[in-house]
Amino acid sequence: VDVKQLGIALKIRRQECGLYRNEVARYAGINPRTLRCYEDGEREISIISFYKLIQLYEVGDISDFLMKYSLIKNEK
């Protein structure tokens, strides 16, 4: 998964949920600057932080999120 695309998808979902970066960072136990770096694609997100964000954003599991934002192809 491309870090930049993943970051864009995370930012879009956060905004869709009507959440501010500070709220999300506090929930995930990370610094708001770190979250900005994730969303800007400047830093790879840890699986633990990614999982916490997916839970907060209520999108199902990680594969659901990746599919919804077309970050992985649906191979048949």
PDB file of N, CA and C in Angstrom:
ATOM      1  N   VAL A   1       0.848  -1.186   0.000  1.00  0.00           N
ATOM      2  CA  VAL A   1       0.000   0.000   0.000  1.00  0.00           C
ATOM      3  C   VAL A   1       0.888   1.241   0.000  1.00  0.00           C
ATOM      4  N   ASP A   2       0.582   2.169  -0.863  1.00  0.00           N
ATOM      5  CA  ASP A   2       1.329   3.410  -0.964  1.00  0.00           C
ATOM      6  C   ASP A   2       1.055   4.291   0.252  1.00  0.00           C
ATOM      7  N   VAL A   3       2.103   4.754   0.915  1.00  0.00           N
ATOM      8  CA  VAL A   3       1.986   5.543   2.144  1.00  0.00           C
ATOM      9  C   VAL A   3       1.211   6.834   1.896  1.00  0.00           C
ATOM     10  N   LYS A   4       1.457   7.481   0.778  1.00  0.00           N
ATOM     11  CA  LYS A   4       0.781   8.746   0.459  1.00  0.00           C
ATOM     12  C   LYS A   4      -0.720   8.516   0.267  1.00  0.00           C
ATOM     13  N   GLN A   5      -1.097   7.489  -0.482  1.00  0.00           N
ATOM     14  CA  GLN A   5      -2.511   7.176  -0.716  1.00  0.00           C
ATOM     15  C   GLN A   5      -3.208   6.786   0.582  1.00  0.00           C
ATOM     16  N   LEU A   6      -2.519   6.012   1.397  1.00  0.00           N
ATOM     17  CA  LEU A   6      -3.088   5.617   2.679  1.00  0.00           C
ATOM     18  C   LEU A   6      -3.346   6.843   3.544  1.00  0.00           C
ATOM     19  N   GLY A   7      -2.391   7.755   3.563  1.00  0.00           N
ATOM     20  CA  GLY A   7      -2.549   8.979   4.339  1.00  0.00           C
ATOM     21  C   GLY A   7      -3.743   9.796   3.884  1.00  0.00           C
ATOM     22  N   ILE A   8      -3.900   9.934   2.577  1.00  0.00           N
ATOM     23  CA  ILE A   8      -5.037  10.680   2.031  1.00  0.00           C
ATOM     24  C   ILE A   8      -6.347  10.021   2.451  1.00  0.00           C
ATOM     25  N   ALA A   9      -6.408   8.696   2.365  1.00  0.00           N
ATOM     26  CA  ALA A   9      -7.618   7.973   2.753  1.00  0.00           C
ATOM     27  C   ALA A   9      -7.922   8.161   4.241  1.00  0.00           C
ATOM     28  N   LEU A  10      -6.894   8.126   5.064  1.00  0.00           N
ATOM     29  CA  LEU A  10      -7.102   8.329   6.506  1.00  0.00           C
ATOM     30  C   LEU A  10      -7.640   9.727   6.785  1.00  0.00           C
ATOM     31  N   LYS A  11      -7.095  10.711   6.103  1.00  0.00           N
ATOM     32  CA  LYS A  11      -7.554  12.082   6.298  1.00  0.00           C
ATOM     33  C   LYS A  11      -9.000  12.251   5.839  1.00  0.00           C
ATOM     34  N   ILE A  12      -9.321  11.696   4.681  1.00  0.00           N
ATOM     35  CA  ILE A  12     -10.696  11.768   4.172  1.00  0.00           C
ATOM     36  C   ILE A  12     -11.661  11.139   5.159  1.00  0.00           C
ATOM     37  N   ARG A  13     -11.318   9.965   5.664  1.00  0.00           N
ATOM     38  CA  ARG A  13     -12.225   9.275   6.596  1.00  0.00           C
ATOM     39  C   ARG A  13     -12.376  10.055   7.893  1.00  0.00           C
ATOM     40  N   ARG A  14     -11.291  10.627   8.390  1.00  0.00           N
ATOM     41  CA  ARG A  14     -11.371  11.433   9.605  1.00  0.00           C
ATOM     42  C   ARG A  14     -12.332  12.598   9.388  1.00  0.00           C
ATOM     43  N   GLN A  15     -12.195  13.252   8.253  1.00  0.00           N
ATOM     44  CA  GLN A  15     -13.070  14.384   7.948  1.00  0.00           C
ATOM     45  C   GLN A  15     -14.518  13.944   7.762  1.00  0.00           C
ATOM     46  N   GLU A  16     -14.729  12.783   7.133  1.00  0.00           N
ATOM     47  CA  GLU A  16     -16.081  12.245   6.977  1.00  0.00           C
ATOM     48  C   GLU A  16     -16.737  12.000   8.335  1.00  0.00           C
ATOM     49  N   CYS A  17     -15.926  11.608   9.308  1.00  0.00           N
ATOM     50  CA  CYS A  17     -16.422  11.346  10.664  1.00  0.00           C
ATOM     51  C   CYS A  17     -16.614  12.632  11.462  1.00  0.00           C
ATOM     52  N   GLY A  18     -16.181  13.751  10.911  1.00  0.00           N
ATOM     53  CA  GLY A  18     -16.314  15.027  11.602  1.00  0.00           C
ATOM     54  C   GLY A  18     -15.394  15.168  12.801  1.00  0.00           C
ATOM     55  N   LEU A  19     -14.236  14.535  12.723  1.00  0.00           N
ATOM     56  CA  LEU A  19     -13.296  14.549  13.838  1.00  0.00           C
ATOM     57  C   LEU A  19     -12.126  15.473  13.561  1.00  0.00           C
ATOM     58  N   TYR A  20     -11.637  16.097  14.607  1.00  0.00           N
ATOM     59  CA  TYR A  20     -10.455  16.942  14.520  1.00  0.00           C
ATOM     60  C   TYR A  20      -9.213  16.107  14.772  1.00  0.00           C
ATOM     61  N   ARG A  21      -8.114  16.546  14.198  1.00  0.00           N
ATOM     62  CA  ARG A  21      -6.852  15.826  14.331  1.00  0.00           C
ATOM     63  C   ARG A  21      -6.470  15.622  15.801  1.00  0.00           C
ATOM     64  N   ASN A  22      -6.667  16.634  16.640  1.00  0.00           N
ATOM     65  CA  ASN A  22      -6.312  16.507  18.059  1.00  0.00           C
ATOM     66  C   ASN A  22      -7.124  15.419  18.754  1.00  0.00           C
ATOM     67  N   GLU A  23      -8.409  15.327  18.423  1.00  0.00           N
ATOM     68  CA  GLU A  23      -9.260  14.290  19.028  1.00  0.00           C
ATOM     69  C   GLU A  23      -8.768  12.896  18.648  1.00  0.00           C
ATOM     70  N   VAL A  24      -8.490  12.734  17.370  1.00  0.00           N
ATOM     71  CA  VAL A  24      -8.059  11.433  16.859  1.00  0.00           C
ATOM     72  C   VAL A  24      -6.709  11.040  17.456  1.00  0.00           C
ATOM     73  N   ALA A  25      -5.797  11.988  17.510  1.00  0.00           N
ATOM     74  CA  ALA A  25      -4.467  11.711  18.069  1.00  0.00           C
ATOM     75  C   ALA A  25      -4.567  11.293  19.527  1.00  0.00           C
ATOM     76  N   ARG A  26      -5.417  11.983  20.275  1.00  0.00           N
ATOM     77  CA  ARG A  26      -5.598  11.633  21.689  1.00  0.00           C
ATOM     78  C   ARG A  26      -6.143  10.208  21.820  1.00  0.00           C
ATOM     79  N   TYR A  27      -7.138   9.867  21.008  1.00  0.00           N
ATOM     80  CA  TYR A  27      -7.725   8.523  21.039  1.00  0.00           C
ATOM     81  C   TYR A  27      -6.670   7.459  20.720  1.00  0.00           C
ATOM     82  N   ALA A  28      -5.860   7.745  19.709  1.00  0.00           N
ATOM     83  CA  ALA A  28      -4.861   6.765  19.258  1.00  0.00           C
ATOM     84  C   ALA A  28      -3.606   6.758  20.115  1.00  0.00           C
ATOM     85  N   GLY A  29      -3.470   7.748  21.002  1.00  0.00           N
ATOM     86  CA  GLY A  29      -2.296   7.813  21.863  1.00  0.00           C
ATOM     87  C   GLY A  29      -1.045   8.259  21.126  1.00  0.00           C
ATOM     88  N   ILE A  30      -1.244   9.124  20.127  1.00  0.00           N
ATOM     89  CA  ILE A  30      -0.109   9.632  19.365  1.00  0.00           C
ATOM     90  C   ILE A  30      -0.136  11.157  19.366  1.00  0.00           C
ATOM     91  N   ASN A  31       0.962  11.746  18.970  1.00  0.00           N
ATOM     92  CA  ASN A  31       1.067  13.190  18.877  1.00  0.00           C
ATOM     93  C   ASN A  31       0.295  13.669  17.639  1.00  0.00           C
ATOM     94  N   PRO A  32      -0.403  14.802  17.715  1.00  0.00           N
ATOM     95  CA  PRO A  32      -1.109  15.320  16.542  1.00  0.00           C
ATOM     96  C   PRO A  32      -0.189  15.531  15.329  1.00  0.00           C
ATOM     97  N   ARG A  33       1.066  15.905  15.571  1.00  0.00           N
ATOM     98  CA  ARG A  33       2.028  16.044  14.465  1.00  0.00           C
ATOM     99  C   ARG A  33       2.299  14.707  13.793  1.00  0.00           C
ATOM    100  N   THR A  34       2.318  13.647  14.589  1.00  0.00           N
ATOM    101  CA  THR A  34       2.522  12.308  14.031  1.00  0.00           C
ATOM    102  C   THR A  34       1.354  11.950  13.132  1.00  0.00           C
ATOM    103  N   LEU A  35       0.144  12.230  13.592  1.00  0.00           N
ATOM    104  CA  LEU A  35      -1.039  11.959  12.782  1.00  0.00           C
ATOM    105  C   LEU A  35      -0.981  12.768  11.479  1.00  0.00           C
ATOM    106  N   ARG A  36      -0.561  14.027  11.566  1.00  0.00           N
ATOM    107  CA  ARG A  36      -0.426  14.843  10.361  1.00  0.00           C
ATOM    108  C   ARG A  36       0.562  14.203   9.397  1.00  0.00           C
ATOM    109  N   CYS A  37       1.672  13.695   9.927  1.00  0.00           N
ATOM    110  CA  CYS A  37       2.665  13.023   9.079  1.00  0.00           C
ATOM    111  C   CYS A  37       2.084  11.785   8.422  1.00  0.00           C
ATOM    112  N   TYR A  38       1.268  11.036   9.158  1.00  0.00           N
ATOM    113  CA  TYR A  38       0.590   9.871   8.564  1.00  0.00           C
ATOM    114  C   TYR A  38      -0.323  10.322   7.433  1.00  0.00           C
ATOM    115  N   GLU A  39      -1.138  11.343   7.703  1.00  0.00           N
ATOM    116  CA  GLU A  39      -2.115  11.808   6.726  1.00  0.00           C
ATOM    117  C   GLU A  39      -1.450  12.464   5.508  1.00  0.00           C
ATOM    118  N   ASP A  40      -0.304  13.045   5.695  1.00  0.00           N
ATOM    119  CA  ASP A  40       0.429  13.672   4.587  1.00  0.00           C
ATOM    120  C   ASP A  40       1.317  12.680   3.839  1.00  0.00           C
ATOM    121  N   GLY A  41       1.365  11.432   4.322  1.00  0.00           N
ATOM    122  CA  GLY A  41       2.172  10.412   3.671  1.00  0.00           C
ATOM    123  C   GLY A  41       3.658  10.586   3.888  1.00  0.00           C
ATOM    124  N   GLU A  42       4.019  11.297   4.943  1.00  0.00           N
ATOM    125  CA  GLU A  42       5.427  11.547   5.248  1.00  0.00           C
ATOM    126  C   GLU A  42       6.026  10.484   6.163  1.00  0.00           C
ATOM    127  N   ARG A  43       5.172   9.648   6.706  1.00  0.00           N
ATOM    128  CA  ARG A  43       5.638   8.657   7.681  1.00  0.00           C
ATOM    129  C   ARG A  43       4.738   7.426   7.594  1.00  0.00           C
ATOM    130  N   GLU A  44       5.339   6.243   7.688  1.00  0.00           N
ATOM    131  CA  GLU A  44       4.558   5.015   7.700  1.00  0.00           C
ATOM    132  C   GLU A  44       3.863   4.885   9.045  1.00  0.00           C
ATOM    133  N   ILE A  45       2.628   4.424   9.007  1.00  0.00           N
ATOM    134  CA  ILE A  45       1.848   4.263  10.221  1.00  0.00           C
ATOM    135  C   ILE A  45       2.093   2.874  10.806  1.00  0.00           C
ATOM    136  N   SER A  46       2.173   2.804  12.118  1.00  0.00           N
ATOM    137  CA  SER A  46       2.331   1.498  12.764  1.00  0.00           C
ATOM    138  C   SER A  46       1.004   0.745  12.670  1.00  0.00           C
ATOM    139  N   ILE A  47       1.068  -0.544  12.697  1.00  0.00           N
ATOM    140  CA  ILE A  47      -0.144  -1.358  12.600  1.00  0.00           C
ATOM    141  C   ILE A  47      -1.056  -1.104  13.799  1.00  0.00           C
ATOM    142  N   ILE A  48      -0.474  -0.851  14.960  1.00  0.00           N
ATOM    143  CA  ILE A  48      -1.278  -0.582  16.159  1.00  0.00           C
ATOM    144  C   ILE A  48      -2.042   0.725  16.003  1.00  0.00           C
ATOM    145  N   SER A  49      -1.376   1.773  15.552  1.00  0.00           N
ATOM    146  CA  SER A  49      -2.052   3.058  15.339  1.00  0.00           C
ATOM    147  C   SER A  49      -3.094   2.934  14.240  1.00  0.00           C
ATOM    148  N   PHE A  50      -2.764   2.238  13.179  1.00  0.00           N
ATOM    149  CA  PHE A  50      -3.712   2.045  12.075  1.00  0.00           C
ATOM    150  C   PHE A  50      -4.968   1.325  12.569  1.00  0.00           C
ATOM    151  N   TYR A  51      -4.783   0.288  13.349  1.00  0.00           N
ATOM    152  CA  TYR A  51      -5.918  -0.469  13.888  1.00  0.00           C
ATOM    153  C   TYR A  51      -6.793   0.422  14.772  1.00  0.00           C
ATOM    154  N   LYS A  52      -6.177   1.236  15.615  1.00  0.00           N
ATOM    155  CA  LYS A  52      -6.949   2.138  16.478  1.00  0.00           C
ATOM    156  C   LYS A  52      -7.768   3.123  15.646  1.00  0.00           C
ATOM    157  N   LEU A  53      -7.166   3.650  14.583  1.00  0.00           N
ATOM    158  CA  LEU A  53      -7.887   4.590  13.731  1.00  0.00           C
ATOM    159  C   LEU A  53      -9.053   3.909  13.022  1.00  0.00           C
ATOM    160  N   ILE A  54      -8.840   2.701  12.537  1.00  0.00           N
ATOM    161  CA  ILE A  54      -9.905   1.954  11.867  1.00  0.00           C
ATOM    162  C   ILE A  54     -11.075   1.719  12.824  1.00  0.00           C
ATOM    163  N   GLN A  55     -10.759   1.402  14.072  1.00  0.00           N
ATOM    164  CA  GLN A  55     -11.822   1.224  15.072  1.00  0.00           C
ATOM    165  C   GLN A  55     -12.579   2.525  15.289  1.00  0.00           C
ATOM    166  N   LEU A  56     -11.861   3.610  15.466  1.00  0.00           N
ATOM    167  CA  LEU A  56     -12.481   4.909  15.698  1.00  0.00           C
ATOM    168  C   LEU A  56     -13.336   5.326  14.504  1.00  0.00           C
ATOM    169  N   TYR A  57     -12.856   5.089  13.301  1.00  0.00           N
ATOM    170  CA  TYR A  57     -13.549   5.511  12.094  1.00  0.00           C
ATOM    171  C   TYR A  57     -14.681   4.565  11.685  1.00  0.00           C
ATOM    172  N   GLU A  58     -14.813   3.457  12.411  1.00  0.00           N
ATOM    173  CA  GLU A  58     -15.907   2.496  12.217  1.00  0.00           C
ATOM    174  C   GLU A  58     -16.078   2.059  10.759  1.00  0.00           C
ATOM    175  N   VAL A  59     -15.022   1.532  10.194  1.00  0.00           N
ATOM    176  CA  VAL A  59     -15.087   1.074   8.804  1.00  0.00           C
ATOM    177  C   VAL A  59     -14.954  -0.442   8.680  1.00  0.00           C
ATOM    178  N   GLY A  60     -15.160  -1.154   9.743  1.00  0.00           N
ATOM    179  CA  GLY A  60     -14.990  -2.600   9.700  1.00  0.00           C
ATOM    180  C   GLY A  60     -13.558  -2.945  10.040  1.00  0.00           C
ATOM    181  N   ASP A  61     -12.983  -3.842   9.250  1.00  0.00           N
ATOM    182  CA  ASP A  61     -11.594  -4.210   9.523  1.00  0.00           C
ATOM    183  C   ASP A  61     -10.661  -3.513   8.533  1.00  0.00           C
ATOM    184  N   ILE A  62      -9.401  -3.790   8.655  1.00  0.00           N
ATOM    185  CA  ILE A  62      -8.401  -3.114   7.834  1.00  0.00           C
ATOM    186  C   ILE A  62      -8.647  -3.356   6.349  1.00  0.00           C
ATOM    187  N   SER A  63      -8.975  -4.591   5.971  1.00  0.00           N
ATOM    188  CA  SER A  63      -9.198  -4.871   4.548  1.00  0.00           C
ATOM    189  C   SER A  63     -10.421  -4.113   4.021  1.00  0.00           C
ATOM    190  N   ASP A  64     -11.457  -3.936   4.858  1.00  0.00           N
ATOM    191  CA  ASP A  64     -12.622  -3.144   4.446  1.00  0.00           C
ATOM    192  C   ASP A  64     -12.202  -1.711   4.133  1.00  0.00           C
ATOM    193  N   PHE A  65     -11.383  -1.150   4.992  1.00  0.00           N
ATOM    194  CA  PHE A  65     -10.901   0.223   4.788  1.00  0.00           C
ATOM    195  C   PHE A  65     -10.092   0.316   3.501  1.00  0.00           C
ATOM    196  N   LEU A  66      -9.163  -0.607   3.322  1.00  0.00           N
ATOM    197  CA  LEU A  66      -8.313  -0.578   2.141  1.00  0.00           C
ATOM    198  C   LEU A  66      -9.122  -0.741   0.865  1.00  0.00           C
ATOM    199  N   MET A  67     -10.150  -1.595   0.904  1.00  0.00           N
ATOM    200  CA  MET A  67     -11.011  -1.790  -0.266  1.00  0.00           C
ATOM    201  C   MET A  67     -11.860  -0.551  -0.526  1.00  0.00           C
ATOM    202  N   LYS A  68     -12.449   0.019   0.514  1.00  0.00           N
ATOM    203  CA  LYS A  68     -13.322   1.183   0.357  1.00  0.00           C
ATOM    204  C   LYS A  68     -12.583   2.332  -0.303  1.00  0.00           C
ATOM    205  N   TYR A  69     -11.353   2.535   0.069  1.00  0.00           N
ATOM    206  CA  TYR A  69     -10.579   3.640  -0.474  1.00  0.00           C
ATOM    207  C   TYR A  69      -9.680   3.201  -1.632  1.00  0.00           C
ATOM    208  N   SER A  70      -9.987   2.022  -2.198  1.00  0.00           N
ATOM    209  CA  SER A  70      -9.299   1.502  -3.392  1.00  0.00           C
ATOM    210  C   SER A  70      -7.784   1.466  -3.239  1.00  0.00           C
ATOM    211  N   LEU A  71      -7.341   1.095  -2.060  1.00  0.00           N
ATOM    212  CA  LEU A  71      -5.908   1.024  -1.822  1.00  0.00           C
ATOM    213  C   LEU A  71      -5.343  -0.363  -2.134  1.00  0.00           C
ATOM    214  N   ILE A  72      -6.242  -1.316  -2.276  1.00  0.00           N
ATOM    215  CA  ILE A  72      -5.835  -2.638  -2.749  1.00  0.00           C
ATOM    216  C   ILE A  72      -6.831  -3.064  -3.822  1.00  0.00           C
ATOM    217  N   LYS A  73      -6.374  -3.839  -4.769  1.00  0.00           N
ATOM    218  CA  LYS A  73      -7.254  -4.307  -5.826  1.00  0.00           C
ATOM    219  C   LYS A  73      -7.982  -5.567  -5.373  1.00  0.00           C
ATOM    220  N   ASN A  74      -9.234  -5.675  -5.759  1.00  0.00           N
ATOM    221  CA  ASN A  74     -10.031  -6.845  -5.440  1.00  0.00           C
ATOM    222  C   ASN A  74      -9.724  -7.930  -6.471  1.00  0.00           C
ATOM    223  N   GLU A  75      -8.831  -8.825  -6.114  1.00  0.00           N
ATOM    224  CA  GLU A  75      -8.442  -9.915  -7.021  1.00  0.00           C
ATOM    225  C   GLU A  75      -9.478 -11.015  -6.952  1.00  0.00           C
ATOM    226  N   LYS A  76      -9.902 -11.473  -8.114  1.00  0.00           N
ATOM    227  CA  LYS A  76     -10.909 -12.544  -8.157  1.00  0.00           C
ATOM    228  C   LYS A  76     -10.279 -13.835  -8.554  1.00  0.00           C
TER     229      LYS A  76
END
